[in-house]
Every structure is written in structure tokens, then in C-alpha cells.
Amino acid sequence: MKLSYRCSSCKKDNTLKTKAKNRHELLMELGKNEFHERCKHCGNFTKKHINRLYAEDNYSLVLIGFVAAAIATILLWDLGFISSITFSVPIWFWIEMKKKSSSFNRTMVK
């Protein structure tokens, strides 16, 4: 999951690097309701409220899940769990990613 906001001058998306799982953790990390960031595209200094952030899906985690499933398939070839592991691990990573981004987008701070 990556947190994004839209620049008010150039209307392009920018990302914010944090490890917070929801807006309340982000509020505790920043210590205030607003954050100040410089746009990576136009250089405009913007001041945004935490509620203006939205979570986007990070599909690199699904790719990592697919690689992990491929390695598990090679190691467990003789046991017969090939199709269930190969298809279930990337789907599980994708479902968890969707849950995290949906839960971040649903919660708001005052």
C-alpha cells in the first residue's frame, strides 16, 4: 500500500513514504493533522490534511507472493499441492493488500 495525494497546482499524484497502517497511526507519527510536502513534478510546496491522502494498491507485493508460490511449488512438487499453493498464495497477498488499502481509506480523523 502506498499513500498518495494530488498536487493542487499541477494535478499530478505524489506519494508519501510512511509505515502507518491507518490515519490514526499516521497522525501519531506526524504529530499534527496536516503535512507539508513539495510536489515531485512541479516543485510547489503544498499543505494537505491527512484526510486528503488515499491509499493505492502496491502490486509489487503480489509479485513477491507469486515468486514465493513458484518457489514453494518447486519445493513441494512431489507432495501434490502444486495447484493449490501456486494459485492461493498470490491471491492471498492480493486480498490482504486490498483489505489494508480499504481500511485506510475508510477511516478518517477529526
PDB file of N, CA and C in Angstrom:
ATOM      1  N   MET A   1       0.846  -1.160   0.000  1.00  0.00           N
ATOM      2  CA  MET A   1       0.000   0.000   0.000  1.00  0.00           C
ATOM      3  C   MET A   1       0.897   1.230   0.000  1.00  0.00           C
ATOM      4  N   LYS A   2       0.590   2.153  -0.870  1.00  0.00           N
ATOM      5  CA  LYS A   2       1.303   3.425  -0.884  1.00  0.00           C
ATOM      6  C   LYS A   2       0.294   4.554  -0.758  1.00  0.00           C
ATOM      7  N   LEU A   3       0.674   5.576  -0.008  1.00  0.00           N
ATOM      8  CA  LEU A   3      -0.212   6.701   0.246  1.00  0.00           C
ATOM      9  C   LEU A   3       0.059   7.784  -0.777  1.00  0.00           C
ATOM     10  N   SER A   4      -0.999   8.306  -1.376  1.00  0.00           N
ATOM     11  CA  SER A   4      -0.866   9.302  -2.434  1.00  0.00           C
ATOM     12  C   SER A   4      -1.735  10.509  -2.139  1.00  0.00           C
ATOM     13  N   TYR A   5      -1.352  11.629  -2.739  1.00  0.00           N
ATOM     14  CA  TYR A   5      -2.158  12.838  -2.713  1.00  0.00           C
ATOM     15  C   TYR A   5      -1.983  13.543  -4.047  1.00  0.00           C
ATOM     16  N   ARG A   6      -2.939  14.378  -4.401  1.00  0.00           N
ATOM     17  CA  ARG A   6      -2.915  15.086  -5.674  1.00  0.00           C
ATOM     18  C   ARG A   6      -2.452  16.515  -5.435  1.00  0.00           C
ATOM     19  N   CYS A   7      -1.481  16.960  -6.239  1.00  0.00           N
ATOM     20  CA  CYS A   7      -0.968  18.327  -6.147  1.00  0.00           C
ATOM     21  C   CYS A   7      -2.053  19.294  -6.624  1.00  0.00           C
ATOM     22  N   SER A   8      -2.218  20.390  -5.905  1.00  0.00           N
ATOM     23  CA  SER A   8      -3.276  21.333  -6.263  1.00  0.00           C
ATOM     24  C   SER A   8      -2.903  22.204  -7.459  1.00  0.00           C
ATOM     25  N   SER A   9      -1.621  22.323  -7.789  1.00  0.00           N
ATOM     26  CA  SER A   9      -1.256  23.186  -8.918  1.00  0.00           C
ATOM     27  C   SER A   9      -1.113  22.403 -10.227  1.00  0.00           C
ATOM     28  N   CYS A  10      -0.426  21.266 -10.206  1.00  0.00           N
ATOM     29  CA  CYS A  10      -0.217  20.533 -11.468  1.00  0.00           C
ATOM     30  C   CYS A  10      -1.161  19.346 -11.641  1.00  0.00           C
ATOM     31  N   LYS A  11      -1.938  18.998 -10.609  1.00  0.00           N
ATOM     32  CA  LYS A  11      -2.936  17.919 -10.635  1.00  0.00           C
ATOM     33  C   LYS A  11      -2.327  16.540 -10.886  1.00  0.00           C
ATOM     34  N   LYS A  12      -1.080  16.324 -10.468  1.00  0.00           N
ATOM     35  CA  LYS A  12      -0.453  15.014 -10.594  1.00  0.00           C
ATOM     36  C   LYS A  12      -0.349  14.364  -9.226  1.00  0.00           C
ATOM     37  N   ASP A  13      -0.309  13.032  -9.223  1.00  0.00           N
ATOM     38  CA  ASP A  13      -0.251  12.287  -7.969  1.00  0.00           C
ATOM     39  C   ASP A  13       1.176  12.229  -7.442  1.00  0.00           C
ATOM     40  N   ASN A  14       1.308  12.367  -6.133  1.00  0.00           N
ATOM     41  CA  ASN A  14       2.569  12.229  -5.421  1.00  0.00           C
ATOM     42  C   ASN A  14       2.380  11.196  -4.327  1.00  0.00           C
ATOM     43  N   THR A  15       3.453  10.548  -3.926  1.00  0.00           N
ATOM     44  CA  THR A  15       3.366   9.543  -2.880  1.00  0.00           C
ATOM     45  C   THR A  15       4.043  10.039  -1.617  1.00  0.00           C
ATOM     46  N   LEU A  16       3.603   9.494  -0.499  1.00  0.00           N
ATOM     47  CA  LEU A  16       4.146   9.820   0.804  1.00  0.00           C
ATOM     48  C   LEU A  16       4.679   8.525   1.402  1.00  0.00           C
ATOM     49  N   LYS A  17       5.925   8.540   1.869  1.00  0.00           N
ATOM     50  CA  LYS A  17       6.521   7.337   2.435  1.00  0.00           C
ATOM     51  C   LYS A  17       6.268   7.304   3.935  1.00  0.00           C
ATOM     52  N   THR A  18       5.598   6.254   4.378  1.00  0.00           N
ATOM     53  CA  THR A  18       5.309   6.044   5.785  1.00  0.00           C
ATOM     54  C   THR A  18       5.019   4.570   6.011  1.00  0.00           C
ATOM     55  N   LYS A  19       5.056   4.155   7.257  1.00  0.00           N
ATOM     56  CA  LYS A  19       4.732   2.777   7.603  1.00  0.00           C
ATOM     57  C   LYS A  19       3.411   2.672   8.347  1.00  0.00           C
ATOM     58  N   ALA A  20       2.662   3.765   8.400  1.00  0.00           N
ATOM     59  CA  ALA A  20       1.386   3.781   9.116  1.00  0.00           C
ATOM     60  C   ALA A  20       0.355   2.929   8.383  1.00  0.00           C
ATOM     61  N   LYS A  21      -0.444   2.198   9.156  1.00  0.00           N
ATOM     62  CA  LYS A  21      -1.457   1.327   8.572  1.00  0.00           C
ATOM     63  C   LYS A  21      -2.821   1.993   8.473  1.00  0.00           C
ATOM     64  N   ASN A  22      -3.029   3.062   9.242  1.00  0.00           N
ATOM     65  CA  ASN A  22      -4.274   3.811   9.157  1.00  0.00           C
ATOM     66  C   ASN A  22      -3.992   5.277   9.460  1.00  0.00           C
ATOM     67  N   ARG A  23      -5.022   6.096   9.338  1.00  0.00           N
ATOM     68  CA  ARG A  23      -4.826   7.538   9.504  1.00  0.00           C
ATOM     69  C   ARG A  23      -4.481   7.914  10.940  1.00  0.00           C
ATOM     70  N   HIS A  24      -4.959   7.154  11.904  1.00  0.00           N
ATOM     71  CA  HIS A  24      -4.658   7.459  13.299  1.00  0.00           C
ATOM     72  C   HIS A  24      -3.174   7.215  13.599  1.00  0.00           C
ATOM     73  N   GLU A  25      -2.610   6.139  13.067  1.00  0.00           N
ATOM     74  CA  GLU A  25      -1.176   5.899  13.226  1.00  0.00           C
ATOM     75  C   GLU A  25      -0.357   6.964  12.507  1.00  0.00           C
ATOM     76  N   LEU A  26      -0.839   7.414  11.373  1.00  0.00           N
ATOM     77  CA  LEU A  26      -0.152   8.485  10.643  1.00  0.00           C
ATOM     78  C   LEU A  26      -0.202   9.787  11.436  1.00  0.00           C
ATOM     79  N   LEU A  27      -1.323  10.053  12.089  1.00  0.00           N
ATOM     80  CA  LEU A  27      -1.443  11.236  12.938  1.00  0.00           C
ATOM     81  C   LEU A  27      -0.456  11.162  14.103  1.00  0.00           C
ATOM     82  N   MET A  28      -0.317   9.996  14.706  1.00  0.00           N
ATOM     83  CA  MET A  28       0.640   9.828  15.794  1.00  0.00           C
ATOM     84  C   MET A  28       2.075   9.973  15.294  1.00  0.00           C
ATOM     85  N   GLU A  29       2.339   9.498  14.082  1.00  0.00           N
ATOM     86  CA  GLU A  29       3.695   9.585  13.507  1.00  0.00           C
ATOM     87  C   GLU A  29       4.062  11.031  13.167  1.00  0.00           C
ATOM     88  N   LEU A  30       3.126  11.762  12.560  1.00  0.00           N
ATOM     89  CA  LEU A  30       3.400  13.145  12.171  1.00  0.00           C
ATOM     90  C   LEU A  30       3.266  14.117  13.334  1.00  0.00           C
ATOM     91  N   GLY A  31       2.341  13.855  14.239  1.00  0.00           N
ATOM     92  CA  GLY A  31       2.122  14.715  15.375  1.00  0.00           C
ATOM     93  C   GLY A  31       1.165  15.865  15.116  1.00  0.00           C
ATOM     94  N   LYS A  32       0.646  15.979  13.912  1.00  0.00           N
ATOM     95  CA  LYS A  32      -0.307  17.039  13.578  1.00  0.00           C
ATOM     96  C   LYS A  32      -1.213  16.552  12.455  1.00  0.00           C
ATOM     97  N   ASN A  33      -2.302  17.282  12.221  1.00  0.00           N
ATOM     98  CA  ASN A  33      -3.293  16.867  11.225  1.00  0.00           C
ATOM     99  C   ASN A  33      -2.873  17.150   9.796  1.00  0.00           C
ATOM    100  N   GLU A  34      -1.901  18.007   9.594  1.00  0.00           N
ATOM    101  CA  GLU A  34      -1.501  18.395   8.245  1.00  0.00           C
ATOM    102  C   GLU A  34      -0.041  18.025   7.999  1.00  0.00           C
ATOM    103  N   PHE A  35       0.273  17.816   6.754  1.00  0.00           N
ATOM    104  CA  PHE A  35       1.659  17.551   6.386  1.00  0.00           C
ATOM    105  C   PHE A  35       2.054  18.511   5.270  1.00  0.00           C
ATOM    106  N   HIS A  36       3.307  18.857   5.230  1.00  0.00           N
ATOM    107  CA  HIS A  36       3.850  19.777   4.235  1.00  0.00           C
ATOM    108  C   HIS A  36       4.782  18.997   3.328  1.00  0.00           C
ATOM    109  N   GLU A  37       4.499  18.969   2.061  1.00  0.00           N
ATOM    110  CA  GLU A  37       5.313  18.245   1.085  1.00  0.00           C
ATOM    111  C   GLU A  37       5.542  19.107  -0.144  1.00  0.00           C
ATOM    112  N   ARG A  38       6.654  18.881  -0.786  1.00  0.00           N
ATOM    113  CA  ARG A  38       6.962  19.535  -2.045  1.00  0.00           C
ATOM    114  C   ARG A  38       6.602  18.574  -3.169  1.00  0.00           C
ATOM    115  N   CYS A  39       5.893  19.074  -4.167  1.00  0.00           N
ATOM    116  CA  CYS A  39       5.485  18.254  -5.305  1.00  0.00           C
ATOM    117  C   CYS A  39       6.721  17.807  -6.067  1.00  0.00           C
ATOM    118  N   LYS A  40       6.747  16.533  -6.417  1.00  0.00           N
ATOM    119  CA  LYS A  40       7.895  15.987  -7.143  1.00  0.00           C
ATOM    120  C   LYS A  40       7.891  16.366  -8.618  1.00  0.00           C
ATOM    121  N   HIS A  41       6.747  16.856  -9.121  1.00  0.00           N
ATOM    122  CA  HIS A  41       6.627  17.188 -10.539  1.00  0.00           C
ATOM    123  C   HIS A  41       6.830  18.680 -10.808  1.00  0.00           C
ATOM    124  N   CYS A  42       6.149  19.523 -10.041  1.00  0.00           N
ATOM    125  CA  CYS A  42       6.221  20.966 -10.317  1.00  0.00           C
ATOM    126  C   CYS A  42       7.023  21.727  -9.268  1.00  0.00           C
ATOM    127  N   GLY A  43       7.302  21.126  -8.113  1.00  0.00           N
ATOM    128  CA  GLY A  43       8.079  21.788  -7.086  1.00  0.00           C
ATOM    129  C   GLY A  43       7.281  22.700  -6.180  1.00  0.00           C
ATOM    130  N   ASN A  44       5.970  22.725  -6.326  1.00  0.00           N
ATOM    131  CA  ASN A  44       5.113  23.571  -5.497  1.00  0.00           C
ATOM    132  C   ASN A  44       5.047  22.981  -4.093  1.00  0.00           C
ATOM    133  N   PHE A  45       5.176  23.825  -3.077  1.00  0.00           N
ATOM    134  CA  PHE A  45       5.107  23.405  -1.682  1.00  0.00           C
ATOM    135  C   PHE A  45       3.644  23.363  -1.261  1.00  0.00           C
ATOM    136  N   THR A  46       3.127  22.187  -0.930  1.00  0.00           N
ATOM    137  CA  THR A  46       1.715  22.039  -0.614  1.00  0.00           C
ATOM    138  C   THR A  46       1.514  21.673   0.850  1.00  0.00           C
ATOM    139  N   LYS A  47       0.397  22.095   1.394  1.00  0.00           N
ATOM    140  CA  LYS A  47      -0.006  21.789   2.758  1.00  0.00           C
ATOM    141  C   LYS A  47      -1.331  21.041   2.655  1.00  0.00           C
ATOM    142  N   LYS A  48      -1.339  19.789   3.053  1.00  0.00           N
ATOM    143  CA  LYS A  48      -2.531  18.945   2.920  1.00  0.00           C
ATOM    144  C   LYS A  48      -2.930  18.363   4.269  1.00  0.00           C
ATOM    145  N   HIS A  49      -4.215  18.127   4.444  1.00  0.00           N
ATOM    146  CA  HIS A  49      -4.745  17.457   5.624  1.00  0.00           C
ATOM    147  C   HIS A  49      -4.586  15.953   5.434  1.00  0.00           C
ATOM    148  N   ILE A  50      -4.467  15.222   6.525  1.00  0.00           N
ATOM    149  CA  ILE A  50      -4.288  13.769   6.466  1.00  0.00           C
ATOM    150  C   ILE A  50      -5.468  13.097   5.761  1.00  0.00           C
ATOM    151  N   ASN A  51      -6.659  13.638   5.896  1.00  0.00           N
ATOM    152  CA  ASN A  51      -7.831  13.042   5.262  1.00  0.00           C
ATOM    153  C   ASN A  51      -7.802  13.168   3.736  1.00  0.00           C
ATOM    154  N   ARG A  52      -6.934  14.006   3.190  1.00  0.00           N
ATOM    155  CA  ARG A  52      -6.811  14.157   1.737  1.00  0.00           C
ATOM    156  C   ARG A  52      -5.939  13.057   1.120  1.00  0.00           C
ATOM    157  N   LEU A  53      -5.268  12.274   1.943  1.00  0.00           N
ATOM    158  CA  LEU A  53      -4.478  11.149   1.448  1.00  0.00           C
ATOM    159  C   LEU A  53      -5.388   9.984   1.096  1.00  0.00           C
ATOM    160  N   TYR A  54      -4.974   9.192   0.132  1.00  0.00           N
ATOM    161  CA  TYR A  54      -5.699   7.966  -0.182  1.00  0.00           C
ATOM    162  C   TYR A  54      -4.682   6.864  -0.451  1.00  0.00           C
ATOM    163  N   ALA A  55      -5.070   5.657  -0.101  1.00  0.00           N
ATOM    164  CA  ALA A  55      -4.192   4.507  -0.242  1.00  0.00           C
ATOM    165  C   ALA A  55      -4.404   3.863  -1.604  1.00  0.00           C
ATOM    166  N   GLU A  56      -3.290   3.575  -2.268  1.00  0.00           N
ATOM    167  CA  GLU A  56      -3.319   2.864  -3.545  1.00  0.00           C
ATOM    168  C   GLU A  56      -2.703   1.486  -3.345  1.00  0.00           C
ATOM    169  N   ASP A  57      -3.070   0.574  -4.204  1.00  0.00           N
ATOM    170  CA  ASP A  57      -2.546  -0.782  -4.113  1.00  0.00           C
ATOM    171  C   ASP A  57      -1.120  -0.832  -4.637  1.00  0.00           C
ATOM    172  N   ASN A  58      -0.301  -1.634  -3.965  1.00  0.00           N
ATOM    173  CA  ASN A  58       1.087  -1.831  -4.353  1.00  0.00           C
ATOM    174  C   ASN A  58       1.221  -3.252  -4.891  1.00  0.00           C
ATOM    175  N   TYR A  59       1.235  -3.393  -6.179  1.00  0.00           N
ATOM    176  CA  TYR A  59       1.215  -4.717  -6.790  1.00  0.00           C
ATOM    177  C   TYR A  59       2.557  -5.428  -6.755  1.00  0.00           C
ATOM    178  N   SER A  60       3.588  -4.787  -6.253  1.00  0.00           N
ATOM    179  CA  SER A  60       4.871  -5.486  -6.114  1.00  0.00           C
ATOM    180  C   SER A  60       4.763  -6.578  -5.055  1.00  0.00           C
ATOM    181  N   LEU A  61       3.879  -6.399  -4.061  1.00  0.00           N
ATOM    182  CA  LEU A  61       3.683  -7.446  -3.065  1.00  0.00           C
ATOM    183  C   LEU A  61       3.018  -8.679  -3.668  1.00  0.00           C
ATOM    184  N   VAL A  62       2.138  -8.480  -4.622  1.00  0.00           N
ATOM    185  CA  VAL A  62       1.514  -9.618  -5.310  1.00  0.00           C
ATOM    186  C   VAL A  62       2.572 -10.357  -6.134  1.00  0.00           C
ATOM    187  N   LEU A  63       3.482  -9.611  -6.730  1.00  0.00           N
ATOM    188  CA  LEU A  63       4.571 -10.230  -7.477  1.00  0.00           C
ATOM    189  C   LEU A  63       5.477 -11.039  -6.544  1.00  0.00           C
ATOM    190  N   ILE A  64       5.744 -10.506  -5.355  1.00  0.00           N
ATOM    191  CA  ILE A  64       6.536 -11.244  -4.368  1.00  0.00           C
ATOM    192  C   ILE A  64       5.804 -12.518  -3.958  1.00  0.00           C
ATOM    193  N   GLY A  65       4.495 -12.438  -3.787  1.00  0.00           N
ATOM    194  CA  GLY A  65       3.707 -13.623  -3.469  1.00  0.00           C
ATOM    195  C   GLY A  65       3.739 -14.657  -4.582  1.00  0.00           C
ATOM    196  N   PHE A  66       3.739 -14.195  -5.823  1.00  0.00           N
ATOM    197  CA  PHE A  66       3.820 -15.120  -6.950  1.00  0.00           C
ATOM    198  C   PHE A  66       5.173 -15.822  -6.982  1.00  0.00           C
ATOM    199  N   VAL A  67       6.251 -15.087  -6.717  1.00  0.00           N
ATOM    200  CA  VAL A  67       7.589 -15.693  -6.676  1.00  0.00           C
ATOM    201  C   VAL A  67       7.688 -16.688  -5.525  1.00  0.00           C
ATOM    202  N   ALA A  68       7.141 -16.326  -4.357  1.00  0.00           N
ATOM    203  CA  ALA A  68       7.152 -17.243  -3.220  1.00  0.00           C
ATOM    204  C   ALA A  68       6.356 -18.505  -3.536  1.00  0.00           C
ATOM    205  N   ALA A  69       5.245 -18.362  -4.245  1.00  0.00           N
ATOM    206  CA  ALA A  69       4.441 -19.523  -4.626  1.00  0.00           C
ATOM    207  C   ALA A  69       5.180 -20.397  -5.631  1.00  0.00           C
ATOM    208  N   ALA A  70       5.918 -19.777  -6.544  1.00  0.00           N
ATOM    209  CA  ALA A  70       6.685 -20.558  -7.514  1.00  0.00           C
ATOM    210  C   ALA A  70       7.785 -21.358  -6.821  1.00  0.00           C
ATOM    211  N   ILE A  71       8.446 -20.743  -5.847  1.00  0.00           N
ATOM    212  CA  ILE A  71       9.492 -21.458  -5.104  1.00  0.00           C
ATOM    213  C   ILE A  71       8.885 -22.592  -4.287  1.00  0.00           C
ATOM    214  N   ALA A  72       7.743 -22.338  -3.651  1.00  0.00           N
ATOM    215  CA  ALA A  72       7.069 -23.383  -2.880  1.00  0.00           C
ATOM    216  C   ALA A  72       6.592 -24.508  -3.785  1.00  0.00           C
ATOM    217  N   THR A  73       6.184 -24.188  -4.990  1.00  0.00           N
ATOM    218  CA  THR A  73       5.745 -25.216  -5.937  1.00  0.00           C
ATOM    219  C   THR A  73       6.907 -26.124  -6.323  1.00  0.00           C
ATOM    220  N   ILE A  74       8.060 -25.533  -6.549  1.00  0.00           N
ATOM    221  CA  ILE A  74       9.240 -26.331  -6.902  1.00  0.00           C
ATOM    222  C   ILE A  74       9.635 -27.239  -5.741  1.00  0.00           C
ATOM    223  N   LEU A  75       9.586 -26.700  -4.513  1.00  0.00           N
ATOM    224  CA  LEU A  75       9.986 -27.498  -3.359  1.00  0.00           C
ATOM    225  C   LEU A  75       8.964 -28.579  -3.008  1.00  0.00           C
ATOM    226  N   LEU A  76       7.693 -28.334  -3.241  1.00  0.00           N
ATOM    227  CA  LEU A  76       6.641 -29.284  -2.867  1.00  0.00           C
ATOM    228  C   LEU A  76       6.075 -30.042  -4.065  1.00  0.00           C
ATOM    229  N   TRP A  77       6.827 -30.169  -5.114  1.00  0.00           N
ATOM    230  CA  TRP A  77       6.364 -30.813  -6.340  1.00  0.00           C
ATOM    231  C   TRP A  77       5.887 -32.241  -6.096  1.00  0.00           C
ATOM    232  N   ASP A  78       6.598 -32.991  -5.277  1.00  0.00           N
ATOM    233  CA  ASP A  78       6.269 -34.398  -5.069  1.00  0.00           C
ATOM    234  C   ASP A  78       5.086 -34.619  -4.127  1.00  0.00           C
ATOM    235  N   LEU A  79       4.695 -33.610  -3.362  1.00  0.00           N
ATOM    236  CA  LEU A  79       3.608 -33.799  -2.412  1.00  0.00           C
ATOM    237  C   LEU A  79       2.222 -33.616  -3.034  1.00  0.00           C
ATOM    238  N   GLY A  80       2.112 -33.008  -4.193  1.00  0.00           N
ATOM    239  CA  GLY A  80       0.836 -32.865  -4.871  1.00  0.00           C
ATOM    240  C   GLY A  80       0.059 -31.612  -4.543  1.00  0.00           C
ATOM    241  N   PHE A  81       0.679 -30.651  -3.871  1.00  0.00           N
ATOM    242  CA  PHE A  81      -0.002 -29.403  -3.533  1.00  0.00           C
ATOM    243  C   PHE A  81       0.295 -28.306  -4.547  1.00  0.00           C
ATOM    244  N   ILE A  82       0.578 -28.674  -5.760  1.00  0.00           N
ATOM    245  CA  ILE A  82       1.074 -27.724  -6.750  1.00  0.00           C
ATOM    246  C   ILE A  82       0.044 -26.655  -7.077  1.00  0.00           C
ATOM    247  N   SER A  83      -1.121 -27.036  -7.504  1.00  0.00           N
ATOM    248  CA  SER A  83      -2.093 -26.035  -7.958  1.00  0.00           C
ATOM    249  C   SER A  83      -2.642 -25.208  -6.808  1.00  0.00           C
ATOM    250  N   SER A  84      -2.854 -25.810  -5.671  1.00  0.00           N
ATOM    251  CA  SER A  84      -3.436 -25.055  -4.565  1.00  0.00           C
ATOM    252  C   SER A  84      -2.466 -24.002  -4.031  1.00  0.00           C
ATOM    253  N   ILE A  85      -1.200 -24.302  -3.928  1.00  0.00           N
ATOM    254  CA  ILE A  85      -0.215 -23.330  -3.430  1.00  0.00           C
ATOM    255  C   ILE A  85       0.087 -22.284  -4.487  1.00  0.00           C
ATOM    256  N   THR A  86       0.247 -22.702  -5.726  1.00  0.00           N
ATOM    257  CA  THR A  86       0.616 -21.769  -6.785  1.00  0.00           C
ATOM    258  C   THR A  86      -0.431 -20.690  -6.981  1.00  0.00           C
ATOM    259  N   PHE A  87      -1.692 -21.038  -6.864  1.00  0.00           N
ATOM    260  CA  PHE A  87      -2.742 -20.054  -7.093  1.00  0.00           C
ATOM    261  C   PHE A  87      -3.231 -19.365  -5.821  1.00  0.00           C
ATOM    262  N   SER A  88      -3.095 -20.016  -4.678  1.00  0.00           N
ATOM    263  CA  SER A  88      -3.655 -19.424  -3.460  1.00  0.00           C
ATOM    264  C   SER A  88      -2.744 -18.366  -2.836  1.00  0.00           C
ATOM    265  N   VAL A  89      -1.430 -18.505  -2.910  1.00  0.00           N
ATOM    266  CA  VAL A  89      -0.531 -17.538  -2.272  1.00  0.00           C
ATOM    267  C   VAL A  89      -0.629 -16.149  -2.915  1.00  0.00           C
ATOM    268  N   PRO A  90      -0.551 -15.995  -4.247  1.00  0.00           N
ATOM    269  CA  PRO A  90      -0.705 -14.648  -4.805  1.00  0.00           C
ATOM    270  C   PRO A  90      -2.097 -14.048  -4.561  1.00  0.00           C
ATOM    271  N   ILE A  91      -3.126 -14.891  -4.570  1.00  0.00           N
ATOM    272  CA  ILE A  91      -4.471 -14.392  -4.295  1.00  0.00           C
ATOM    273  C   ILE A  91      -4.572 -13.928  -2.850  1.00  0.00           C
ATOM    274  N   TRP A  92      -3.946 -14.656  -1.921  1.00  0.00           N
ATOM    275  CA  TRP A  92      -3.942 -14.253  -0.525  1.00  0.00           C
ATOM    276  C   TRP A  92      -3.219 -12.922  -0.347  1.00  0.00           C
ATOM    277  N   PHE A  93      -2.072 -12.724  -0.997  1.00  0.00           N
ATOM    278  CA  PHE A  93      -1.353 -11.448  -0.938  1.00  0.00           C
ATOM    279  C   PHE A  93      -2.222 -10.320  -1.499  1.00  0.00           C
ATOM    280  N   TRP A  94      -2.925 -10.571  -2.590  1.00  0.00           N
ATOM    281  CA  TRP A  94      -3.774  -9.557  -3.214  1.00  0.00           C
ATOM    282  C   TRP A  94      -4.943  -9.183  -2.300  1.00  0.00           C
ATOM    283  N   ILE A  95      -5.574 -10.163  -1.656  1.00  0.00           N
ATOM    284  CA  ILE A  95      -6.692  -9.902  -0.749  1.00  0.00           C
ATOM    285  C   ILE A  95      -6.226  -9.091   0.452  1.00  0.00           C
ATOM    286  N   GLU A  96      -5.078  -9.433   1.022  1.00  0.00           N
ATOM    287  CA  GLU A  96      -4.555  -8.681   2.164  1.00  0.00           C
ATOM    288  C   GLU A  96      -4.223  -7.239   1.776  1.00  0.00           C
ATOM    289  N   MET A  97      -3.680  -7.043   0.575  1.00  0.00           N
ATOM    290  CA  MET A  97      -3.370  -5.699   0.107  1.00  0.00           C
ATOM    291  C   MET A  97      -4.652  -4.877  -0.052  1.00  0.00           C
ATOM    292  N   LYS A  98      -5.689  -5.467  -0.600  1.00  0.00           N
ATOM    293  CA  LYS A  98      -6.967  -4.778  -0.764  1.00  0.00           C
ATOM    294  C   LYS A  98      -7.589  -4.432   0.590  1.00  0.00           C
ATOM    295  N   LYS A  99      -7.489  -5.329   1.577  1.00  0.00           N
ATOM    296  CA  LYS A  99      -8.030  -5.063   2.904  1.00  0.00           C
ATOM    297  C   LYS A  99      -7.325  -3.880   3.557  1.00  0.00           C
ATOM    298  N   LYS A 100      -5.994  -3.833   3.446  1.00  0.00           N
ATOM    299  CA  LYS A 100      -5.234  -2.750   4.068  1.00  0.00           C
ATOM    300  C   LYS A 100      -5.557  -1.401   3.436  1.00  0.00           C
ATOM    301  N   SER A 101      -5.592  -1.345   2.123  1.00  0.00           N
ATOM    302  CA  SER A 101      -5.886  -0.071   1.469  1.00  0.00           C
ATOM    303  C   SER A 101      -7.332   0.352   1.710  1.00  0.00           C
ATOM    304  N   SER A 102      -8.254  -0.589   1.747  1.00  0.00           N
ATOM    305  CA  SER A 102      -9.652  -0.260   2.004  1.00  0.00           C
ATOM    306  C   SER A 102      -9.845   0.239   3.434  1.00  0.00           C
ATOM    307  N   SER A 103      -9.160  -0.379   4.382  1.00  0.00           N
ATOM    308  CA  SER A 103      -9.306   0.052   5.769  1.00  0.00           C
ATOM    309  C   SER A 103      -8.683   1.434   5.979  1.00  0.00           C
ATOM    310  N   PHE A 104      -7.587   1.744   5.291  1.00  0.00           N
ATOM    311  CA  PHE A 104      -7.010   3.091   5.395  1.00  0.00           C
ATOM    312  C   PHE A 104      -7.957   4.120   4.807  1.00  0.00           C
ATOM    313  N   ASN A 105      -8.547   3.825   3.671  1.00  0.00           N
ATOM    314  CA  ASN A 105      -9.422   4.794   3.005  1.00  0.00           C
ATOM    315  C   ASN A 105     -10.737   5.003   3.744  1.00  0.00           C
ATOM    316  N   ARG A 106     -11.185   4.019   4.541  1.00  0.00           N
ATOM    317  CA  ARG A 106     -12.444   4.144   5.272  1.00  0.00           C
ATOM    318  C   ARG A 106     -12.327   4.990   6.529  1.00  0.00           C
ATOM    319  N   THR A 107     -11.177   4.984   7.188  1.00  0.00           N
ATOM    320  CA  THR A 107     -11.051   5.712   8.440  1.00  0.00           C
ATOM    321  C   THR A 107     -10.672   7.165   8.175  1.00  0.00           C
ATOM    322  N   MET A 108     -11.210   8.057   8.978  1.00  0.00           N
ATOM    323  CA  MET A 108     -10.901   9.491   8.880  1.00  0.00           C
ATOM    324  C   MET A 108     -10.575   9.999  10.281  1.00  0.00           C
ATOM    325  N   VAL A 109      -9.826  11.089  10.342  1.00  0.00           N
ATOM    326  CA  VAL A 109      -9.538  11.741  11.630  1.00  0.00           C
ATOM    327  C   VAL A 109     -10.287  13.066  11.680  1.00  0.00           C
ATOM    328  N   LYS A 110     -10.484  13.562  12.880  1.00  0.00           N
ATOM    329  CA  LYS A 110     -11.195  14.839  13.031  1.00  0.00           C
ATOM    330  C   LYS A 110     -10.279  16.001  12.749  1.00  0.00           C
TER     331      LYS A 110
END
